[in-house]
Amino acid sequence: MNVFSQTQRYKALFWLSLFHLLVITSSNYLVQLPVSILGFHTTWGAFSFPFIFLATDLTVRIFGAPLARRIIFAVMIPALLISYVISSLFYMGSWQGFGALAHFNLFVARIATASFMAYALGQILDVHVFNRLRQSRRWWLAPTASTLFGNVSDTLAFFFIAFWRSPDAFMAEHWME
């Protein structure tokens, strides 16, 4: 583990926590917006969410696995709440007004809940794999393997929980893609 001053550790904690929140919130909003590229159906969130694994690997590298897990879990509840609020206010890419918060949006709630559950699964796996492999002489092995395993498990869990039998016809039809 690198040696940082207490001030540097606090700054890193602040910026890494903010980075986690930003990636989760933006990805949960962007996952509402479908896109088809060369016949492949996905969402814009699929392009932003992999940055969470960069944030996680940096967190493990700076703070070690035990503290990284605590940081990840500390970010989960605020990310869930902020994601729900932002995604409700800007539902499907359109401003809904603050009145949108007065009623429960099941589609957005499923996305936020799926994100919460898949994030926990993917991040725990990512931290575990990264921590196991980070002492390897091949510097690239830990981030590559942890991102691969974390991303695959997160993606499968997220899309299943959020979109299987979804009220959104496009997502219900294409969630397996």
Protein backbone atom coordinates (compact mmCIF):
# COMPACT_ATOMS: atom_id res chain seq x y z
CA MET A 1 0.00 0.00 0.00
CA ASN A 2 1.20 3.51 -0.78
CA VAL A 3 2.16 5.89 2.02
CA PHE A 4 -0.01 9.01 2.07
CA SER A 5 -0.29 11.76 4.64
CA GLN A 6 -3.52 12.01 6.61
CA THR A 7 -4.54 15.07 4.57
CA GLN A 8 -3.92 13.22 1.31
CA ARG A 9 -5.97 10.26 2.55
CA TYR A 10 -8.91 12.54 3.45
CA LYS A 11 -8.74 14.22 0.06
CA ALA A 12 -8.58 10.85 -1.68
CA LEU A 13 -11.51 9.61 0.39
CA PHE A 14 -13.58 12.66 -0.54
CA TRP A 15 -12.81 12.53 -4.27
CA LEU A 16 -13.14 8.75 -4.59
CA SER A 17 -16.48 8.80 -2.74
CA LEU A 18 -17.69 11.60 -5.00
CA PHE A 19 -16.47 9.67 -8.06
CA HIS A 20 -18.41 6.58 -6.92
CA LEU A 21 -21.57 8.68 -6.43
CA LEU A 22 -21.16 10.42 -9.78
CA VAL A 23 -20.67 7.20 -11.74
CA ILE A 24 -23.57 5.41 -10.04
CA THR A 25 -26.00 8.33 -10.32
CA SER A 26 -25.16 9.15 -13.94
CA SER A 27 -25.26 5.48 -14.96
CA ASN A 28 -28.63 4.94 -13.28
CA TYR A 29 -30.01 7.90 -15.19
CA LEU A 30 -28.37 6.92 -18.48
CA VAL A 31 -29.63 3.33 -18.26
CA GLN A 32 -33.13 4.70 -18.94
CA LEU A 33 -31.99 5.81 -22.38
CA PRO A 34 -31.82 2.92 -24.87
CA VAL A 35 -29.49 2.92 -27.84
CA SER A 36 -28.98 0.52 -30.74
CA ILE A 37 -25.50 0.29 -32.23
CA LEU A 38 -25.03 -1.95 -35.27
CA GLY A 39 -28.09 -3.98 -34.25
CA PHE A 40 -26.88 -4.41 -30.66
CA HIS A 41 -29.40 -3.08 -28.13
CA THR A 42 -28.09 -1.53 -24.93
CA THR A 43 -28.35 1.67 -22.91
CA TRP A 44 -26.06 4.66 -22.49
CA GLY A 45 -25.49 3.56 -18.90
CA ALA A 46 -23.57 0.54 -20.17
CA PHE A 47 -20.86 2.94 -21.34
CA SER A 48 -20.56 4.98 -18.15
CA PHE A 49 -20.82 2.30 -15.46
CA PRO A 50 -17.49 0.52 -16.11
CA PHE A 51 -15.79 3.58 -14.62
CA ILE A 52 -16.98 2.33 -11.22
CA PHE A 53 -14.37 -0.40 -11.40
CA LEU A 54 -11.64 2.20 -11.91
CA ALA A 55 -12.95 3.99 -8.80
CA THR A 56 -12.99 0.73 -6.84
CA ASP A 57 -9.49 -0.31 -7.88
CA LEU A 58 -8.12 3.11 -6.92
CA THR A 59 -9.93 2.86 -3.57
CA VAL A 60 -8.38 -0.56 -2.87
CA ARG A 61 -4.95 0.64 -4.00
CA ILE A 62 -5.02 3.68 -1.69
CA PHE A 63 -6.92 2.37 1.34
CA GLY A 64 -6.60 -1.43 1.21
CA ALA A 65 -9.43 -3.96 0.91
CA PRO A 66 -11.07 -3.69 4.37
CA LEU A 67 -11.43 0.10 4.26
CA ALA A 68 -12.36 0.00 0.56
CA ARG A 69 -15.30 -2.28 1.40
CA ARG A 70 -16.45 0.16 4.09
CA ILE A 71 -16.16 3.10 1.70
CA ILE A 72 -18.15 1.25 -0.95
CA PHE A 73 -20.91 0.35 1.52
CA ALA A 74 -20.98 3.92 2.87
CA VAL A 75 -21.61 5.25 -0.65
CA MET A 76 -24.39 2.77 -1.46
CA ILE A 77 -27.34 4.35 0.40
CA PRO A 78 -26.66 7.94 -0.74
CA ALA A 79 -26.17 6.64 -4.30
CA LEU A 80 -29.50 4.79 -4.14
CA LEU A 81 -31.38 7.86 -2.94
CA ILE A 82 -29.68 10.36 -5.26
CA SER A 83 -30.17 8.01 -8.24
CA TYR A 84 -33.88 7.68 -7.52
CA VAL A 85 -34.36 11.45 -7.18
CA ILE A 86 -32.36 12.38 -10.32
CA SER A 87 -33.90 9.61 -12.43
CA SER A 88 -37.42 10.54 -11.31
CA LEU A 89 -36.89 14.23 -12.04
CA PHE A 90 -35.42 13.50 -15.48
CA TYR A 91 -37.45 10.38 -16.33
CA MET A 92 -36.59 9.01 -19.78
CA GLY A 93 -34.52 12.08 -20.60
CA SER A 94 -37.23 14.67 -19.96
CA TRP A 95 -37.62 17.06 -17.05
CA GLN A 96 -40.67 15.94 -15.08
CA GLY A 97 -40.75 18.74 -12.52
CA PHE A 98 -40.54 18.39 -8.77
CA GLY A 99 -44.05 16.95 -8.74
CA ALA A 100 -42.53 13.70 -10.01
CA LEU A 101 -41.19 13.12 -6.51
CA ALA A 102 -44.73 13.16 -5.09
CA HIS A 103 -45.56 9.74 -6.53
CA PHE A 104 -43.64 6.47 -6.60
CA ASN A 105 -42.00 5.55 -9.94
CA LEU A 106 -41.71 1.74 -10.07
CA PHE A 107 -39.47 1.72 -13.15
CA VAL A 108 -36.95 4.11 -11.57
CA ALA A 109 -37.18 2.28 -8.23
CA ARG A 110 -36.36 -1.02 -9.96
CA ILE A 111 -33.33 0.58 -11.59
CA ALA A 112 -32.13 2.08 -8.29
CA THR A 113 -32.70 -1.19 -6.40
CA ALA A 114 -31.03 -3.26 -9.11
CA SER A 115 -28.11 -0.87 -9.08
CA PHE A 116 -27.82 -1.15 -5.30
CA MET A 117 -27.84 -4.96 -5.35
CA ALA A 118 -25.64 -5.39 -8.42
CA TYR A 119 -23.20 -2.74 -7.17
CA ALA A 120 -22.79 -4.60 -3.88
CA LEU A 121 -22.20 -7.91 -5.68
CA GLY A 122 -19.86 -6.51 -8.33
CA GLN A 123 -17.84 -4.38 -5.94
CA ILE A 124 -17.35 -7.11 -3.35
CA LEU A 125 -16.14 -9.42 -6.11
CA ASP A 126 -13.96 -6.67 -7.62
CA VAL A 127 -12.32 -5.84 -4.27
CA HIS A 128 -11.75 -9.51 -3.47
CA VAL A 129 -10.18 -10.37 -6.84
CA PHE A 130 -8.12 -7.16 -7.00
CA ASN A 131 -6.80 -7.61 -3.46
CA ARG A 132 -5.86 -11.24 -4.16
CA LEU A 133 -3.94 -10.38 -7.33
CA ARG A 134 -2.48 -6.94 -6.61
CA GLN A 135 0.90 -8.27 -5.43
CA SER A 136 1.46 -10.02 -8.77
CA ARG A 137 4.59 -9.06 -10.70
CA ARG A 138 2.30 -8.37 -13.65
CA TRP A 139 0.80 -5.01 -12.65
CA TRP A 140 -2.06 -5.31 -15.14
CA LEU A 141 -3.38 -8.65 -13.85
CA ALA A 142 -5.23 -7.34 -10.76
CA PRO A 143 -7.14 -4.51 -12.43
CA THR A 144 -7.94 -6.56 -15.52
CA ALA A 145 -9.20 -9.68 -13.72
CA SER A 146 -11.09 -7.78 -11.03
CA THR A 147 -12.79 -5.53 -13.57
CA LEU A 148 -13.73 -8.47 -15.76
CA PHE A 149 -15.27 -10.55 -12.97
CA GLY A 150 -16.86 -7.57 -11.22
CA ASN A 151 -18.30 -6.12 -14.41
CA VAL A 152 -19.77 -9.38 -15.69
CA SER A 153 -21.45 -10.21 -12.37
CA ASP A 154 -22.69 -6.64 -11.92
CA THR A 155 -24.06 -6.37 -15.45
CA LEU A 156 -25.91 -9.68 -15.37
CA ALA A 157 -27.41 -9.01 -11.95
CA PHE A 158 -28.35 -5.42 -12.79
CA PHE A 159 -30.09 -6.06 -16.10
CA PHE A 160 -31.96 -9.09 -14.73
CA ILE A 161 -33.23 -7.28 -11.62
CA ALA A 162 -34.01 -3.99 -13.38
CA PHE A 163 -35.51 -5.14 -16.65
CA TRP A 164 -36.80 -8.71 -16.49
CA ARG A 165 -40.56 -8.35 -17.05
CA SER A 166 -40.11 -4.59 -16.98
CA PRO A 167 -42.97 -2.18 -17.68
CA ASP A 168 -40.68 -0.65 -20.34
CA ALA A 169 -41.28 -2.72 -23.48
CA PHE A 170 -37.86 -2.05 -25.05
CA MET A 171 -35.98 -3.01 -21.90
CA ALA A 172 -38.15 -6.06 -21.21
CA GLU A 173 -37.47 -7.33 -24.73
CA HIS A 174 -33.74 -6.55 -24.93
CA TRP A 175 -32.43 -6.94 -21.36
CA MET A 176 -30.52 -10.11 -22.28
CA GLU A 177 -28.52 -8.28 -24.94
